Amino acid sequence: MDETTLLKRITHNPQIFGGKPIIRGRRLAVEHVLGMLAAGDTADILLEGYPWLEPDEIPACMVFARRQAKIQSTATVHPGTAGSASTIAPRR
């Protein structure tokens, strides 16, 4: 399945999680799926825990994250003023 088709599964709804990216309007945030994968959960575990989740929606989350990282890579990170926090400023 091509990326454009996969990304149609990722939606935004201001009524759900404050407009964070979610899967097909359901109460499952992309960041939650990515967090589970990062913690070592497998696609099978995700599909078992969310029976309505379709297998293609897991790579859709990863494509979404990759594209967001690409957008962020066009910004320069500068040291923040409070502790170890950082601020992001657009490149000029």
C-alpha atoms as a PDB file:
ATOM      1  CA  MET A   1       0.000   0.000   0.000  1.00  0.00           C
ATOM      2  CA  ASP A   2       1.418   3.415  -0.891  1.00  0.00           C
ATOM      3  CA  GLU A   3       2.128   6.076   1.746  1.00  0.00           C
ATOM      4  CA  THR A   4      -0.658   8.410   0.643  1.00  0.00           C
ATOM      5  CA  THR A   5      -3.220   5.648   1.116  1.00  0.00           C
ATOM      6  CA  LEU A   6      -1.728   4.666   4.474  1.00  0.00           C
ATOM      7  CA  LEU A   7      -1.819   8.258   5.712  1.00  0.00           C
ATOM      8  CA  LYS A   8      -5.565   8.506   5.012  1.00  0.00           C
ATOM      9  CA  ARG A   9      -5.975   6.273   8.065  1.00  0.00           C
ATOM     10  CA  ILE A  10      -4.450   8.967  10.307  1.00  0.00           C
ATOM     11  CA  THR A  11      -6.958  11.646  11.251  1.00  0.00           C
ATOM     12  CA  HIS A  12      -7.297  14.604  13.606  1.00  0.00           C
ATOM     13  CA  ASN A  13     -10.337  15.443  15.695  1.00  0.00           C
ATOM     14  CA  PRO A  14     -10.247  18.351  18.145  1.00  0.00           C
ATOM     15  CA  GLN A  15     -12.775  16.436  20.286  1.00  0.00           C
ATOM     16  CA  ILE A  16     -10.388  13.485  20.749  1.00  0.00           C
ATOM     17  CA  PHE A  17      -7.088  13.914  22.605  1.00  0.00           C
ATOM     18  CA  GLY A  18      -7.065  17.644  21.848  1.00  0.00           C
ATOM     19  CA  GLY A  19      -6.621  17.088  18.114  1.00  0.00           C
ATOM     20  CA  LYS A  20      -3.606  14.786  18.307  1.00  0.00           C
ATOM     21  CA  PRO A  21      -3.189  12.429  15.349  1.00  0.00           C
ATOM     22  CA  ILE A  22      -5.381   9.358  15.828  1.00  0.00           C
ATOM     23  CA  ILE A  23      -6.274   6.253  13.856  1.00  0.00           C
ATOM     24  CA  ARG A  24      -9.503   6.480  11.833  1.00  0.00           C
ATOM     25  CA  GLY A  25     -11.206   8.808  14.287  1.00  0.00           C
ATOM     26  CA  ARG A  26     -10.896   6.255  17.090  1.00  0.00           C
ATOM     27  CA  ARG A  27      -9.521   6.916  20.550  1.00  0.00           C
ATOM     28  CA  LEU A  28      -6.085   5.532  19.759  1.00  0.00           C
ATOM     29  CA  ALA A  29      -3.363   8.118  19.309  1.00  0.00           C
ATOM     30  CA  VAL A  30      -0.533   7.568  16.856  1.00  0.00           C
ATOM     31  CA  GLU A  31       1.924   8.428  19.623  1.00  0.00           C
ATOM     32  CA  HIS A  32       0.489   5.614  21.762  1.00  0.00           C
ATOM     33  CA  VAL A  33       1.023   3.062  18.992  1.00  0.00           C
ATOM     34  CA  LEU A  34       4.572   4.323  18.455  1.00  0.00           C
ATOM     35  CA  GLY A  35       5.228   4.223  22.191  1.00  0.00           C
ATOM     36  CA  MET A  36       4.072   0.630  22.406  1.00  0.00           C
ATOM     37  CA  LEU A  37       6.309  -0.346  19.498  1.00  0.00           C
ATOM     38  CA  ALA A  38       9.256   1.525  21.041  1.00  0.00           C
ATOM     39  CA  ALA A  39       8.666  -0.329  24.310  1.00  0.00           C
ATOM     40  CA  GLY A  40       9.040  -3.622  22.481  1.00  0.00           C
ATOM     41  CA  ASP A  41       5.432  -4.588  21.815  1.00  0.00           C
ATOM     42  CA  THR A  42       4.900  -6.364  18.518  1.00  0.00           C
ATOM     43  CA  ALA A  43       2.298  -5.694  15.864  1.00  0.00           C
ATOM     44  CA  ASP A  44       0.557  -8.888  17.002  1.00  0.00           C
ATOM     45  CA  ILE A  45       0.252  -7.540  20.555  1.00  0.00           C
ATOM     46  CA  LEU A  46      -1.222  -4.284  19.240  1.00  0.00           C
ATOM     47  CA  LEU A  47      -3.698  -6.118  17.037  1.00  0.00           C
ATOM     48  CA  GLU A  48      -4.709  -8.359  19.931  1.00  0.00           C
ATOM     49  CA  GLY A  49      -5.190  -5.411  22.281  1.00  0.00           C
ATOM     50  CA  TYR A  50      -7.127  -3.362  19.734  1.00  0.00           C
ATOM     51  CA  PRO A  51      -9.242  -5.855  17.738  1.00  0.00           C
ATOM     52  CA  TRP A  52     -10.619  -3.119  15.485  1.00  0.00           C
ATOM     53  CA  LEU A  53      -7.083  -2.060  14.472  1.00  0.00           C
ATOM     54  CA  GLU A  54      -6.151  -3.133  10.954  1.00  0.00           C
ATOM     55  CA  PRO A  55      -2.620  -4.410  10.222  1.00  0.00           C
ATOM     56  CA  ASP A  56      -1.914  -1.590   7.727  1.00  0.00           C
ATOM     57  CA  GLU A  57      -2.567   1.020  10.406  1.00  0.00           C
ATOM     58  CA  ILE A  58       0.633   0.169  12.254  1.00  0.00           C
ATOM     59  CA  PRO A  59       2.914   1.084   9.327  1.00  0.00           C
ATOM     60  CA  ALA A  60       0.626   4.092   8.746  1.00  0.00           C
ATOM     61  CA  CYS A  61       1.685   5.360  12.190  1.00  0.00           C
ATOM     62  CA  MET A  62       5.345   4.843  11.323  1.00  0.00           C
ATOM     63  CA  VAL A  63       4.981   6.671   7.986  1.00  0.00           C
ATOM     64  CA  PHE A  64       3.261   9.530   9.786  1.00  0.00           C
ATOM     65  CA  ALA A  65       6.082   9.714  12.348  1.00  0.00           C
ATOM     66  CA  ARG A  66       8.767   9.624   9.650  1.00  0.00           C
ATOM     67  CA  ARG A  67       7.125  12.476   7.785  1.00  0.00           C
ATOM     68  CA  GLN A  68       6.797  14.511  10.988  1.00  0.00           C
ATOM     69  CA  ALA A  69      10.481  13.905  11.764  1.00  0.00           C
ATOM     70  CA  LYS A  70      11.365  15.082   8.277  1.00  0.00           C
ATOM     71  CA  ILE A  71       9.389  18.289   8.842  1.00  0.00           C
ATOM     72  CA  GLN A  72      11.149  18.813  12.185  1.00  0.00           C
ATOM     73  CA  SER A  73      14.555  18.246  10.599  1.00  0.00           C
ATOM     74  CA  THR A  74      14.114  21.537   8.766  1.00  0.00           C
ATOM     75  CA  ALA A  75      14.235  23.320  12.133  1.00  0.00           C
ATOM     76  CA  THR A  76      17.334  24.172  14.141  1.00  0.00           C
ATOM     77  CA  VAL A  77      17.439  23.224  17.822  1.00  0.00           C
ATOM     78  CA  HIS A  78      18.905  25.839  20.188  1.00  0.00           C
ATOM     79  CA  PRO A  79      19.697  25.344  23.875  1.00  0.00           C
ATOM     80  CA  GLY A  80      16.804  26.509  26.050  1.00  0.00           C
ATOM     81  CA  THR A  81      16.990  28.878  28.939  1.00  0.00           C
ATOM     82  CA  ALA A  82      15.499  26.597  31.603  1.00  0.00           C
ATOM     83  CA  GLY A  83      17.535  23.569  32.660  1.00  0.00           C
ATOM     84  CA  SER A  84      18.043  21.125  29.821  1.00  0.00           C
ATOM     85  CA  ALA A  85      14.979  22.219  27.850  1.00  0.00           C
ATOM     86  CA  SER A  86      15.395  23.208  24.222  1.00  0.00           C
ATOM     87  CA  THR A  87      13.505  25.475  21.922  1.00  0.00           C
ATOM     88  CA  ILE A  88      13.084  24.956  18.216  1.00  0.00           C
ATOM     89  CA  ALA A  89      13.577  27.842  15.844  1.00  0.00           C
ATOM     90  CA  PRO A  90      13.007  27.724  12.094  1.00  0.00           C
ATOM     91  CA  ARG A  91      16.065  27.704   9.865  1.00  0.00           C
ATOM     92  CA  ARG A  92      16.769  30.890   7.995  1.00  0.00           C
END
